[in-house]
PDB file of N, CA and C in Angstrom:
ATOM      1  N   UNK A   1      12.563   5.761 -17.084  1.00  0.00           N
ATOM      2  CA  UNK A   1      12.093   4.397 -17.136  1.00  0.00           C
ATOM      3  C   UNK A   1      12.618   3.593 -15.947  1.00  0.00           C
ATOM      4  N   UNK A   2      13.869   3.876 -15.540  1.00  0.00           N
ATOM      5  CA  UNK A   2      14.461   3.148 -14.422  1.00  0.00           C
ATOM      6  C   UNK A   2      13.675   3.378 -13.138  1.00  0.00           C
ATOM      7  N   UNK A   3      13.164   4.613 -12.947  1.00  0.00           N
ATOM      8  CA  UNK A   3      12.371   4.896 -11.751  1.00  0.00           C
ATOM      9  C   UNK A   3      11.108   4.045 -11.706  1.00  0.00           C
ATOM     10  N   UNK A   4      10.500   3.815 -12.859  1.00  0.00           N
ATOM     11  CA  UNK A   4       9.288   2.997 -12.895  1.00  0.00           C
ATOM     12  C   UNK A   4       9.602   1.530 -12.653  1.00  0.00           C
ATOM     13  N   UNK A   5      10.750   1.066 -13.106  1.00  0.00           N
ATOM     14  CA  UNK A   5      11.134  -0.327 -12.881  1.00  0.00           C
ATOM     15  C   UNK A   5      11.434  -0.606 -11.413  1.00  0.00           C
ATOM     16  N   UNK A   6      11.867   0.421 -10.669  1.00  0.00           N
ATOM     17  CA  UNK A   6      12.150   0.242  -9.251  1.00  0.00           C
ATOM     18  C   UNK A   6      10.882  -0.035  -8.450  1.00  0.00           C
ATOM     19  N   UNK A   7       9.741   0.360  -8.962  1.00  0.00           N
ATOM     20  CA  UNK A   7       8.469   0.178  -8.271  1.00  0.00           C
ATOM     21  C   UNK A   7       7.932  -1.241  -8.396  1.00  0.00           C
ATOM     22  N   UNK A   8       8.386  -1.972  -9.382  1.00  0.00           N
ATOM     23  CA  UNK A   8       7.787  -3.261  -9.723  1.00  0.00           C
ATOM     24  C   UNK A   8       7.786  -4.266  -8.564  1.00  0.00           C
ATOM     25  N   UNK A   9       8.882  -4.483  -7.828  1.00  0.00           N
ATOM     26  CA  UNK A   9       8.804  -5.469  -6.736  1.00  0.00           C
ATOM     27  C   UNK A   9       7.775  -5.099  -5.667  1.00  0.00           C
ATOM     28  N   UNK A  10       7.668  -3.832  -5.347  1.00  0.00           N
ATOM     29  CA  UNK A  10       6.711  -3.381  -4.338  1.00  0.00           C
ATOM     30  C   UNK A  10       5.284  -3.516  -4.852  1.00  0.00           C
ATOM     31  N   UNK A  11       5.100  -3.213  -6.125  1.00  0.00           N
ATOM     32  CA  UNK A  11       3.766  -3.323  -6.709  1.00  0.00           C
ATOM     33  C   UNK A  11       3.341  -4.777  -6.867  1.00  0.00           C
ATOM     34  N   UNK A  12       4.280  -5.648  -7.192  1.00  0.00           N
ATOM     35  CA  UNK A  12       3.952  -7.074  -7.310  1.00  0.00           C
ATOM     36  C   UNK A  12       3.541  -7.634  -5.950  1.00  0.00           C
ATOM     37  N   UNK A  13       4.262  -7.241  -4.907  1.00  0.00           N
ATOM     38  CA  UNK A  13       3.896  -7.693  -3.566  1.00  0.00           C
ATOM     39  C   UNK A  13       2.500  -7.187  -3.202  1.00  0.00           C
ATOM     40  N   UNK A  14       2.212  -5.934  -3.506  1.00  0.00           N
ATOM     41  CA  UNK A  14       0.886  -5.374  -3.230  1.00  0.00           C
ATOM     42  C   UNK A  14      -0.186  -6.113  -4.013  1.00  0.00           C
ATOM     43  N   UNK A  15       0.084  -6.377  -5.262  1.00  0.00           N
ATOM     44  CA  UNK A  15      -0.877  -7.079  -6.101  1.00  0.00           C
ATOM     45  C   UNK A  15      -1.167  -8.464  -5.553  1.00  0.00           C
ATOM     46  N   UNK A  16      -0.128  -9.165  -5.120  1.00  0.00           N
ATOM     47  CA  UNK A  16      -0.316 -10.500  -4.548  1.00  0.00           C
ATOM     48  C   UNK A  16      -1.176 -10.424  -3.289  1.00  0.00           C
ATOM     49  N   UNK A  17      -0.909  -9.449  -2.441  1.00  0.00           N
ATOM     50  CA  UNK A  17      -1.692  -9.287  -1.214  1.00  0.00           C
ATOM     51  C   UNK A  17      -3.153  -8.997  -1.548  1.00  0.00           C
ATOM     52  N   UNK A  18      -3.381  -8.073  -2.476  1.00  0.00           N
ATOM     53  CA  UNK A  18      -4.749  -7.692  -2.814  1.00  0.00           C
ATOM     54  C   UNK A  18      -5.506  -8.781  -3.567  1.00  0.00           C
ATOM     55  N   UNK A  19      -4.818  -9.747  -4.117  1.00  0.00           N
ATOM     56  CA  UNK A  19      -5.507 -10.840  -4.813  1.00  0.00           C
ATOM     57  C   UNK A  19      -5.700 -12.055  -3.901  1.00  0.00           C
ATOM     58  N   UNK A  20      -4.647 -12.460  -3.183  1.00  0.00           N
ATOM     59  CA  UNK A  20      -4.734 -13.702  -2.432  1.00  0.00           C
ATOM     60  C   UNK A  20      -5.413 -13.571  -1.076  1.00  0.00           C
ATOM     61  N   UNK A  21      -5.363 -12.419  -0.458  1.00  0.00           N
ATOM     62  CA  UNK A  21      -6.051 -12.280   0.827  1.00  0.00           C
ATOM     63  C   UNK A  21      -7.571 -12.325   0.668  1.00  0.00           C
ATOM     64  N   UNK A  22      -8.145 -11.733  -0.368  1.00  0.00           N
ATOM     65  CA  UNK A  22      -9.600 -11.883  -0.537  1.00  0.00           C
ATOM     66  C   UNK A  22     -10.029 -13.316  -0.841  1.00  0.00           C
ATOM     67  N   UNK A  23      -9.122 -14.112  -1.371  1.00  0.00           N
ATOM     68  CA  UNK A  23      -9.470 -15.512  -1.622  1.00  0.00           C
ATOM     69  C   UNK A  23      -9.744 -16.223  -0.296  1.00  0.00           C
ATOM     70  N   UNK A  24      -9.041 -15.822   0.762  1.00  0.00           N
ATOM     71  CA  UNK A  24      -9.312 -16.387   2.085  1.00  0.00           C
ATOM     72  C   UNK A  24     -10.724 -16.014   2.548  1.00  0.00           C
ATOM     73  N   UNK A  25     -11.245 -14.944   2.001  1.00  0.00           N
ATOM     74  CA  UNK A  25     -12.615 -14.509   2.297  1.00  0.00           C
ATOM     75  C   UNK A  25     -13.619 -15.604   1.960  1.00  0.00           C
ATOM     76  N   UNK A  26     -13.389 -16.327   0.902  1.00  0.00           N
ATOM     77  CA  UNK A  26     -14.320 -17.367   0.482  1.00  0.00           C
ATOM     78  C   UNK A  26     -14.172 -18.654   1.282  1.00  0.00           C
ATOM     79  N   UNK A  27     -13.052 -18.841   1.947  1.00  0.00           N
ATOM     80  CA  UNK A  27     -12.824 -20.087   2.672  1.00  0.00           C
ATOM     81  C   UNK A  27     -13.270 -20.031   4.126  1.00  0.00           C
ATOM     82  N   UNK A  28     -13.557 -18.851   4.631  1.00  0.00           N
ATOM     83  CA  UNK A  28     -13.930 -18.719   6.041  1.00  0.00           C
ATOM     84  C   UNK A  28     -15.447 -18.635   6.205  1.00  0.00           C
ATOM     85  N   UNK A  29     -15.906 -18.973   7.408  1.00  0.00           N
ATOM     86  CA  UNK A  29     -17.341 -18.972   7.674  1.00  0.00           C
ATOM     87  C   UNK A  29     -17.883 -17.573   7.954  1.00  0.00           C
ATOM     88  N   UNK A  30     -17.176 -16.787   8.712  1.00  0.00           N
ATOM     89  CA  UNK A  30     -17.630 -15.444   9.067  1.00  0.00           C
ATOM     90  C   UNK A  30     -17.214 -14.457   7.986  1.00  0.00           C
ATOM     91  N   UNK A  31     -17.910 -14.496   6.874  1.00  0.00           N
ATOM     92  CA  UNK A  31     -17.497 -13.709   5.713  1.00  0.00           C
ATOM     93  C   UNK A  31     -17.599 -12.216   5.957  1.00  0.00           C
ATOM     94  N   UNK A  32     -18.632 -11.741   6.596  1.00  0.00           N
ATOM     95  CA  UNK A  32     -18.766 -10.297   6.787  1.00  0.00           C
ATOM     96  C   UNK A  32     -17.713  -9.779   7.762  1.00  0.00           C
ATOM     97  N   UNK A  33     -17.437 -10.526   8.818  1.00  0.00           N
ATOM     98  CA  UNK A  33     -16.413 -10.108   9.774  1.00  0.00           C
ATOM     99  C   UNK A  33     -15.030 -10.119   9.125  1.00  0.00           C
ATOM    100  N   UNK A  34     -14.768 -11.123   8.325  1.00  0.00           N
ATOM    101  CA  UNK A  34     -13.483 -11.223   7.638  1.00  0.00           C
ATOM    102  C   UNK A  34     -13.308 -10.091   6.651  1.00  0.00           C
ATOM    103  N   UNK A  35     -14.352  -9.774   5.916  1.00  0.00           N
ATOM    104  CA  UNK A  35     -14.262  -8.696   4.939  1.00  0.00           C
ATOM    105  C   UNK A  35     -14.000  -7.360   5.622  1.00  0.00           C
ATOM    106  N   UNK A  36     -14.696  -7.084   6.693  1.00  0.00           N
ATOM    107  CA  UNK A  36     -14.485  -5.831   7.420  1.00  0.00           C
ATOM    108  C   UNK A  36     -13.076  -5.780   7.981  1.00  0.00           C
ATOM    109  N   UNK A  37     -12.610  -6.883   8.526  1.00  0.00           N
ATOM    110  CA  UNK A  37     -11.251  -6.953   9.069  1.00  0.00           C
ATOM    111  C   UNK A  37     -10.212  -6.708   7.977  1.00  0.00           C
ATOM    112  N   UNK A  38     -10.401  -7.334   6.818  1.00  0.00           N
ATOM    113  CA  UNK A  38      -9.473  -7.117   5.706  1.00  0.00           C
ATOM    114  C   UNK A  38      -9.495  -5.671   5.231  1.00  0.00           C
ATOM    115  N   UNK A  39     -10.674  -5.125   5.035  1.00  0.00           N
ATOM    116  CA  UNK A  39     -10.804  -3.790   4.463  1.00  0.00           C
ATOM    117  C   UNK A  39     -10.347  -2.676   5.388  1.00  0.00           C
ATOM    118  N   UNK A  40     -10.616  -2.815   6.668  1.00  0.00           N
ATOM    119  CA  UNK A  40     -10.354  -1.710   7.584  1.00  0.00           C
ATOM    120  C   UNK A  40      -9.108  -1.861   8.436  1.00  0.00           C
ATOM    121  N   UNK A  41      -8.541  -3.058   8.483  1.00  0.00           N
ATOM    122  CA  UNK A  41      -7.358  -3.251   9.323  1.00  0.00           C
ATOM    123  C   UNK A  41      -6.156  -3.742   8.516  1.00  0.00           C
ATOM    124  N   UNK A  42      -6.284  -4.895   7.915  1.00  0.00           N
ATOM    125  CA  UNK A  42      -5.145  -5.547   7.273  1.00  0.00           C
ATOM    126  C   UNK A  42      -4.648  -4.784   6.047  1.00  0.00           C
ATOM    127  N   UNK A  43      -5.543  -4.504   5.094  1.00  0.00           N
ATOM    128  CA  UNK A  43      -5.117  -3.820   3.865  1.00  0.00           C
ATOM    129  C   UNK A  43      -4.513  -2.441   4.127  1.00  0.00           C
ATOM    130  N   UNK A  44      -5.111  -1.607   4.998  1.00  0.00           N
ATOM    131  CA  UNK A  44      -4.471  -0.307   5.245  1.00  0.00           C
ATOM    132  C   UNK A  44      -3.083  -0.417   5.879  1.00  0.00           C
ATOM    133  N   UNK A  45      -2.921  -1.355   6.795  1.00  0.00           N
ATOM    134  CA  UNK A  45      -1.609  -1.527   7.434  1.00  0.00           C
ATOM    135  C   UNK A  45      -0.575  -1.980   6.415  1.00  0.00           C
ATOM    136  N   UNK A  46      -0.929  -2.967   5.615  1.00  0.00           N
ATOM    137  CA  UNK A  46      -0.004  -3.468   4.595  1.00  0.00           C
ATOM    138  C   UNK A  46       0.319  -2.376   3.579  1.00  0.00           C
ATOM    139  N   UNK A  47      -0.703  -1.659   3.144  1.00  0.00           N
ATOM    140  CA  UNK A  47      -0.499  -0.577   2.178  1.00  0.00           C
ATOM    141  C   UNK A  47       0.411   0.501   2.738  1.00  0.00           C
ATOM    142  N   UNK A  48       0.192   0.875   3.983  1.00  0.00           N
ATOM    143  CA  UNK A  48       1.022   1.898   4.614  1.00  0.00           C
ATOM    144  C   UNK A  48       2.483   1.461   4.667  1.00  0.00           C
ATOM    145  N   UNK A  49       2.732   0.238   5.116  1.00  0.00           N
ATOM    146  CA  UNK A  49       4.112  -0.209   5.267  1.00  0.00           C
ATOM    147  C   UNK A  49       4.811  -0.475   3.936  1.00  0.00           C
ATOM    148  N   UNK A  50       4.093  -0.961   2.937  1.00  0.00           N
ATOM    149  CA  UNK A  50       4.705  -1.136   1.619  1.00  0.00           C
ATOM    150  C   UNK A  50       5.116   0.227   1.063  1.00  0.00           C
ATOM    151  N   UNK A  51       4.238   1.204   1.199  1.00  0.00           N
ATOM    152  CA  UNK A  51       4.534   2.551   0.711  1.00  0.00           C
ATOM    153  C   UNK A  51       5.671   3.193   1.498  1.00  0.00           C
ATOM    154  N   UNK A  52       5.685   2.973   2.808  1.00  0.00           N
ATOM    155  CA  UNK A  52       6.756   3.518   3.646  1.00  0.00           C
ATOM    156  C   UNK A  52       8.101   2.923   3.246  1.00  0.00           C
ATOM    157  N   UNK A  53       8.154   1.624   3.078  1.00  0.00           N
ATOM    158  CA  UNK A  53       9.415   0.969   2.711  1.00  0.00           C
ATOM    159  C   UNK A  53       9.866   1.414   1.329  1.00  0.00           C
ATOM    160  N   UNK A  54       8.941   1.501   0.384  1.00  0.00           N
ATOM    161  CA  UNK A  54       9.292   1.962  -0.965  1.00  0.00           C
ATOM    162  C   UNK A  54       9.892   3.365  -0.918  1.00  0.00           C
ATOM    163  N   UNK A  55       9.220   4.260  -0.231  1.00  0.00           N
ATOM    164  CA  UNK A  55       9.675   5.647  -0.185  1.00  0.00           C
ATOM    165  C   UNK A  55      10.989   5.779   0.584  1.00  0.00           C
ATOM    166  N   UNK A  56      11.142   5.010   1.640  1.00  0.00           N
ATOM    167  CA  UNK A  56      12.369   5.074   2.431  1.00  0.00           C
ATOM    168  C   UNK A  56      13.562   4.554   1.628  1.00  0.00           C
ATOM    169  N   UNK A  57      13.385   3.430   0.974  1.00  0.00           N
ATOM    170  CA  UNK A  57      14.495   2.830   0.224  1.00  0.00           C
ATOM    171  C   UNK A  57      14.869   3.637  -1.021  1.00  0.00           C
ATOM    172  N   UNK A  58      13.880   4.137  -1.719  1.00  0.00           N
ATOM    173  CA  UNK A  58      14.138   4.801  -3.001  1.00  0.00           C
ATOM    174  C   UNK A  58      14.247   6.318  -2.884  1.00  0.00           C
ATOM    175  N   UNK A  59      13.947   6.873  -1.717  1.00  0.00           N
ATOM    176  CA  UNK A  59      13.918   8.333  -1.519  1.00  0.00           C
ATOM    177  C   UNK A  59      13.110   8.996  -2.621  1.00  0.00           C
ATOM    178  N   UNK A  60      11.935   8.444  -2.849  1.00  0.00           N
ATOM    179  CA  UNK A  60      11.101   8.903  -3.946  1.00  0.00           C
ATOM    180  C   UNK A  60       9.665   8.991  -3.455  1.00  0.00           C
ATOM    181  N   UNK A  61       8.978  10.027  -3.879  1.00  0.00           N
ATOM    182  CA  UNK A  61       7.561  10.189  -3.571  1.00  0.00           C
ATOM    183  C   UNK A  61       6.822  10.109  -4.891  1.00  0.00           C
ATOM    184  N   UNK A  62       6.036   9.071  -5.080  1.00  0.00           N
ATOM    185  CA  UNK A  62       5.422   8.812  -6.371  1.00  0.00           C
ATOM    186  C   UNK A  62       3.896   8.751  -6.253  1.00  0.00           C
ATOM    187  N   UNK A  63       3.235   9.668  -6.936  1.00  0.00           N
ATOM    188  CA  UNK A  63       1.777   9.630  -6.970  1.00  0.00           C
ATOM    189  C   UNK A  63       1.290   8.427  -7.775  1.00  0.00           C
ATOM    190  N   UNK A  64       2.028   8.066  -8.801  1.00  0.00           N
ATOM    191  CA  UNK A  64       1.662   6.920  -9.634  1.00  0.00           C
ATOM    192  C   UNK A  64       1.633   5.631  -8.818  1.00  0.00           C
ATOM    193  N   UNK A  65       2.587   5.479  -7.920  1.00  0.00           N
ATOM    194  CA  UNK A  65       2.634   4.305  -7.054  1.00  0.00           C
ATOM    195  C   UNK A  65       1.339   4.193  -6.248  1.00  0.00           C
ATOM    196  N   UNK A  66       0.906   5.296  -5.666  1.00  0.00           N
ATOM    197  CA  UNK A  66      -0.314   5.288  -4.852  1.00  0.00           C
ATOM    198  C   UNK A  66      -1.553   5.030  -5.696  1.00  0.00           C
ATOM    199  N   UNK A  67      -1.591   5.582  -6.877  1.00  0.00           N
ATOM    200  CA  UNK A  67      -2.736   5.349  -7.764  1.00  0.00           C
ATOM    201  C   UNK A  67      -2.800   3.881  -8.181  1.00  0.00           C
ATOM    202  N   UNK A  68      -1.653   3.276  -8.441  1.00  0.00           N
ATOM    203  CA  UNK A  68      -1.630   1.852  -8.787  1.00  0.00           C
ATOM    204  C   UNK A  68      -2.102   0.985  -7.622  1.00  0.00           C
ATOM    205  N   UNK A  69      -1.762   1.384  -6.395  1.00  0.00           N
ATOM    206  CA  UNK A  69      -2.259   0.668  -5.219  1.00  0.00           C
ATOM    207  C   UNK A  69      -3.791   0.723  -5.197  1.00  0.00           C
ATOM    208  N   UNK A  70      -4.354   1.892  -5.484  1.00  0.00           N
ATOM    209  CA  UNK A  70      -5.813   2.023  -5.544  1.00  0.00           C
ATOM    210  C   UNK A  70      -6.426   1.166  -6.631  1.00  0.00           C
ATOM    211  N   UNK A  71      -5.766   1.076  -7.764  1.00  0.00           N
ATOM    212  CA  UNK A  71      -6.260   0.238  -8.863  1.00  0.00           C
ATOM    213  C   UNK A  71      -6.186  -1.240  -8.485  1.00  0.00           C
ATOM    214  N   UNK A  72      -5.117  -1.635  -7.792  1.00  0.00           N
ATOM    215  CA  UNK A  72      -5.007  -3.026  -7.347  1.00  0.00           C
ATOM    216  C   UNK A  72      -6.138  -3.369  -6.379  1.00  0.00           C
ATOM    217  N   UNK A  73      -6.529  -2.394  -5.570  1.00  0.00           N
ATOM    218  CA  UNK A  73      -7.633  -2.639  -4.649  1.00  0.00           C
ATOM    219  C   UNK A  73      -8.924  -2.925  -5.421  1.00  0.00           C
ATOM    220  N   UNK A  74      -9.085  -2.279  -6.565  1.00  0.00           N
ATOM    221  CA  UNK A  74     -10.281  -2.525  -7.375  1.00  0.00           C
ATOM    222  C   UNK A  74     -10.366  -3.991  -7.805  1.00  0.00           C
ATOM    223  N   UNK A  75      -9.212  -4.644  -7.953  1.00  0.00           N
ATOM    224  CA  UNK A  75      -9.211  -6.078  -8.244  1.00  0.00           C
ATOM    225  C   UNK A  75      -9.833  -6.868  -7.093  1.00  0.00           C
ATOM    226  N   UNK A  76      -9.603  -6.390  -5.862  1.00  0.00           N
ATOM    227  CA  UNK A  76     -10.216  -7.024  -4.704  1.00  0.00           C
ATOM    228  C   UNK A  76     -11.734  -6.925  -4.786  1.00  0.00           C
ATOM    229  N   UNK A  77     -12.217  -5.778  -5.232  1.00  0.00           N
ATOM    230  CA  UNK A  77     -13.676  -5.606  -5.384  1.00  0.00           C
ATOM    231  C   UNK A  77     -14.227  -6.595  -6.391  1.00  0.00           C
ATOM    232  N   UNK A  78     -13.490  -6.839  -7.455  1.00  0.00           N
ATOM    233  CA  UNK A  78     -13.935  -7.791  -8.471  1.00  0.00           C
ATOM    234  C   UNK A  78     -13.921  -9.211  -7.908  1.00  0.00           C
ATOM    235  N   UNK A  79     -12.882  -9.557  -7.157  1.00  0.00           N
ATOM    236  CA  UNK A  79     -12.780 -10.904  -6.584  1.00  0.00           C
ATOM    237  C   UNK A  79     -13.914 -11.151  -5.587  1.00  0.00           C
ATOM    238  N   UNK A  80     -14.230 -10.153  -4.772  1.00  0.00           N
ATOM    239  CA  UNK A  80     -15.278 -10.302  -3.758  1.00  0.00           C
ATOM    240  C   UNK A  80     -16.683 -10.097  -4.325  1.00  0.00           C
ATOM    241  N   UNK A  81     -16.794  -9.679  -5.567  1.00  0.00           N
ATOM    242  CA  UNK A  81     -18.087  -9.371  -6.187  1.00  0.00           C
ATOM    243  C   UNK A  81     -18.867  -8.351  -5.366  1.00  0.00           C
ATOM    244  N   UNK A  82     -18.149  -7.363  -4.833  1.00  0.00           N
ATOM    245  CA  UNK A  82     -18.779  -6.346  -4.005  1.00  0.00           C
ATOM    246  C   UNK A  82     -18.316  -4.980  -4.497  1.00  0.00           C
ATOM    247  N   UNK A  83     -19.162  -4.326  -5.252  1.00  0.00           N
ATOM    248  CA  UNK A  83     -18.783  -3.035  -5.810  1.00  0.00           C
ATOM    249  C   UNK A  83     -19.258  -1.872  -4.940  1.00  0.00           C
ATOM    250  N   UNK A  84     -19.837  -2.168  -3.781  1.00  0.00           N
ATOM    251  CA  UNK A  84     -20.208  -1.116  -2.839  1.00  0.00           C
ATOM    252  C   UNK A  84     -18.988  -0.579  -2.101  1.00  0.00           C
ATOM    253  N   UNK A  85     -17.889  -1.311  -2.162  1.00  0.00           N
ATOM    254  CA  UNK A  85     -16.690  -0.924  -1.424  1.00  0.00           C
ATOM    255  C   UNK A  85     -15.642  -0.257  -2.311  1.00  0.00           C
ATOM    256  N   UNK A  86     -16.033   0.137  -3.511  1.00  0.00           N
ATOM    257  CA  UNK A  86     -15.104   0.763  -4.447  1.00  0.00           C
ATOM    258  C   UNK A  86     -14.568   2.080  -3.890  1.00  0.00           C
ATOM    259  N   UNK A  87     -15.356   2.780  -3.098  1.00  0.00           N
ATOM    260  CA  UNK A  87     -14.946   4.076  -2.551  1.00  0.00           C
ATOM    261  C   UNK A  87     -13.703   3.939  -1.659  1.00  0.00           C
ATOM    262  N   UNK A  88     -13.466   2.741  -1.142  1.00  0.00           N
ATOM    263  CA  UNK A  88     -12.285   2.523  -0.315  1.00  0.00           C
ATOM    264  C   UNK A  88     -10.984   2.685  -1.107  1.00  0.00           C
ATOM    265  N   UNK A  89     -11.044   2.611  -2.416  1.00  0.00           N
ATOM    266  CA  UNK A  89      -9.824   2.780  -3.214  1.00  0.00           C
ATOM    267  C   UNK A  89      -9.217   4.160  -2.974  1.00  0.00           C
ATOM    268  N   UNK A  90     -10.052   5.168  -2.779  1.00  0.00           N
ATOM    269  CA  UNK A  90      -9.540   6.509  -2.463  1.00  0.00           C
ATOM    270  C   UNK A  90      -8.863   6.487  -1.092  1.00  0.00           C
ATOM    271  N   UNK A  91      -9.435   5.759  -0.159  1.00  0.00           N
ATOM    272  CA  UNK A  91      -8.847   5.611   1.169  1.00  0.00           C
ATOM    273  C   UNK A  91      -7.467   4.953   1.088  1.00  0.00           C
ATOM    274  N   UNK A  92      -7.333   3.926   0.240  1.00  0.00           N
ATOM    275  CA  UNK A  92      -6.041   3.254   0.108  1.00  0.00           C
ATOM    276  C   UNK A  92      -5.011   4.124  -0.594  1.00  0.00           C
ATOM    277  N   UNK A  93      -5.454   4.938  -1.530  1.00  0.00           N
ATOM    278  CA  UNK A  93      -4.542   5.892  -2.160  1.00  0.00           C
ATOM    279  C   UNK A  93      -4.037   6.867  -1.112  1.00  0.00           C
ATOM    280  N   UNK A  94      -4.933   7.346  -0.257  1.00  0.00           N
ATOM    281  CA  UNK A  94      -4.540   8.270   0.813  1.00  0.00           C
ATOM    282  C   UNK A  94      -3.584   7.601   1.796  1.00  0.00           C
ATOM    283  N   UNK A  95      -3.877   6.370   2.186  1.00  0.00           N
ATOM    284  CA  UNK A  95      -2.989   5.632   3.105  1.00  0.00           C
ATOM    285  C   UNK A  95      -1.619   5.440   2.470  1.00  0.00           C
ATOM    286  N   UNK A  96      -1.590   5.134   1.187  1.00  0.00           N
ATOM    287  CA  UNK A  96      -0.318   4.957   0.482  1.00  0.00           C
ATOM    288  C   UNK A  96       0.469   6.277   0.442  1.00  0.00           C
ATOM    289  N   UNK A  97      -0.221   7.367   0.191  1.00  0.00           N
ATOM    290  CA  UNK A  97       0.456   8.670   0.198  1.00  0.00           C
ATOM    291  C   UNK A  97       1.002   9.005   1.577  1.00  0.00           C
ATOM    292  N   UNK A  98       0.248   8.676   2.618  1.00  0.00           N
ATOM    293  CA  UNK A  98       0.728   8.901   3.992  1.00  0.00           C
ATOM    294  C   UNK A  98       1.956   8.049   4.288  1.00  0.00           C
ATOM    295  N   UNK A  99       1.941   6.799   3.854  1.00  0.00           N
ATOM    296  CA  UNK A  99       3.090   5.921   4.051  1.00  0.00           C
ATOM    297  C   UNK A  99       4.315   6.429   3.315  1.00  0.00           C
ATOM    298  N   UNK A 100       4.122   6.888   2.081  1.00  0.00           N
ATOM    299  CA  UNK A 100       5.252   7.426   1.329  1.00  0.00           C
ATOM    300  C   UNK A 100       5.785   8.699   1.976  1.00  0.00           C
ATOM    301  N   UNK A 101       4.886   9.548   2.439  1.00  0.00           N
ATOM    302  CA  UNK A 101       5.321  10.774   3.106  1.00  0.00           C
ATOM    303  C   UNK A 101       6.096  10.486   4.366  1.00  0.00           C
ATOM    304  N   UNK A 102       5.641   9.513   5.130  1.00  0.00           N
ATOM    305  CA  UNK A 102       6.327   9.129   6.358  1.00  0.00           C
ATOM    306  C   UNK A 102       7.716   8.563   6.055  1.00  0.00           C
ATOM    307  N   UNK A 103       7.794   7.660   5.083  1.00  0.00           N
ATOM    308  CA  UNK A 103       9.093   7.081   4.714  1.00  0.00           C
ATOM    309  C   UNK A 103      10.055   8.118   4.183  1.00  0.00           C
ATOM    310  N   UNK A 104       9.553   9.035   3.372  1.00  0.00           N
ATOM    311  CA  UNK A 104      10.382  10.091   2.811  1.00  0.00           C
ATOM    312  C   UNK A 104      10.914  11.002   3.920  1.00  0.00           C
ATOM    313  N   UNK A 105      10.045  11.377   4.857  1.00  0.00           N
ATOM    314  CA  UNK A 105      10.470  12.246   5.974  1.00  0.00           C
ATOM    315  C   UNK A 105      11.462  11.541   6.889  1.00  0.00           C
ATOM    316  N   UNK A 106      11.232  10.278   7.183  1.00  0.00           N
ATOM    317  CA  UNK A 106      12.152   9.525   8.037  1.00  0.00           C
ATOM    318  C   UNK A 106      13.532   9.468   7.388  1.00  0.00           C
ATOM    319  N   UNK A 107      13.577   9.204   6.093  1.00  0.00           N
ATOM    320  CA  UNK A 107      14.855   9.129   5.379  1.00  0.00           C
ATOM    321  C   UNK A 107      15.585  10.472   5.421  1.00  0.00           C
ATOM    322  N   UNK A 108      14.862  11.560   5.213  1.00  0.00           N
ATOM    323  CA  UNK A 108      15.472  12.898   5.241  1.00  0.00           C
ATOM    324  C   UNK A 108      15.977  13.238   6.637  1.00  0.00           C
ATOM    325  N   UNK A 109      15.219  12.896   7.657  1.00  0.00           N
ATOM    326  CA  UNK A 109      15.640  13.179   9.039  1.00  0.00           C
ATOM    327  C   UNK A 109      16.880  12.372   9.387  1.00  0.00           C
ATOM    328  N   UNK A 110      16.918  11.110   9.004  1.00  0.00           N
ATOM    329  CA  UNK A 110      18.089  10.276   9.287  1.00  0.00           C
ATOM    330  C   UNK A 110      19.313  10.800   8.556  1.00  0.00           C
ATOM    331  N   UNK A 111      19.137  11.206   7.290  1.00  0.00           N
ATOM    332  CA  UNK A 111      20.254  11.771   6.530  1.00  0.00           C
ATOM    333  C   UNK A 111      20.764  13.052   7.183  1.00  0.00           C
ATOM    334  N   UNK A 112      19.832  13.889   7.621  1.00  0.00           N
ATOM    335  CA  UNK A 112      20.206  15.144   8.266  1.00  0.00           C
ATOM    336  C   UNK A 112      20.932  14.879   9.576  1.00  0.00           C
ATOM    337  N   UNK A 113      20.447  13.887  10.340  1.00  0.00           N
ATOM    338  CA  UNK A 113      21.065  13.534  11.599  1.00  0.00           C
ATOM    339  C   UNK A 113      22.482  13.000  11.383  1.00  0.00           C
ATOM    340  N   UNK A 114      22.662  12.126  10.390  1.00  0.00           N
ATOM    341  CA  UNK A 114      23.975  11.584  10.100  1.00  0.00           C
ATOM    342  C   UNK A 114      24.931  12.662   9.620  1.00  0.00           C
ATOM    343  N   UNK A 115      24.417  13.587   8.823  1.00  0.00           N
ATOM    344  CA  UNK A 115      25.240  14.676   8.303  1.00  0.00           C
ATOM    345  C   UNK A 115      25.693  15.603   9.434  1.00  0.00           C
ATOM    346  N   UNK A 116      24.797  15.919  10.344  1.00  0.00           N
ATOM    347  CA  UNK A 116      25.164  16.788  11.460  1.00  0.00           C
ATOM    348  C   UNK A 116      26.082  16.062  12.432  1.00  0.00           C
ATOM    349  N   UNK A 117      25.978  14.760  12.529  1.00  0.00           N
ATOM    350  CA  UNK A 117      26.833  13.980  13.423  1.00  0.00           C
ATOM    351  C   UNK A 117      28.262  13.929  12.891  1.00  0.00           C
ATOM    352  N   UNK A 118      28.422  13.922  11.549  1.00  0.00           N
ATOM    353  CA  UNK A 118      29.759  13.892  10.949  1.00  0.00           C
ATOM    354  C   UNK A 118      30.484  15.220  11.119  1.00  0.00           C
ATOM    355  N   UNK A 119      29.714  16.290  11.168  1.00  0.00           N
ATOM    356  CA  UNK A 119      30.332  17.623  11.280  1.00  0.00           C
ATOM    357  C   UNK A 119      30.659  17.926  12.673  1.00  0.00           C
TER     358      UNK A 119
END
């Protein structure tokens, strides 16, 4: 249970991003350009770095974390009233897994480097 509670701050931040950034979609004039920018640039970068930081700090690789990120993205589809972009949820799950893998590997390499430096 403690492992699941450690995910909550990262998931709350992701949820806030996936809810409040699409709201800016309604306030701007260039809606199609903004939507493409959010979907293909901003959300993947944020998802990657949130997953990287989570995995680096907790030394944990969690499939559930990535699946929840994909589910949070589905909330964006509901907010934008655009269900043609639901397939991107798989893309965000993949980006989250890549971020977690990168963070996990970086942590292991740093630990290995520090351990070899002490010896």
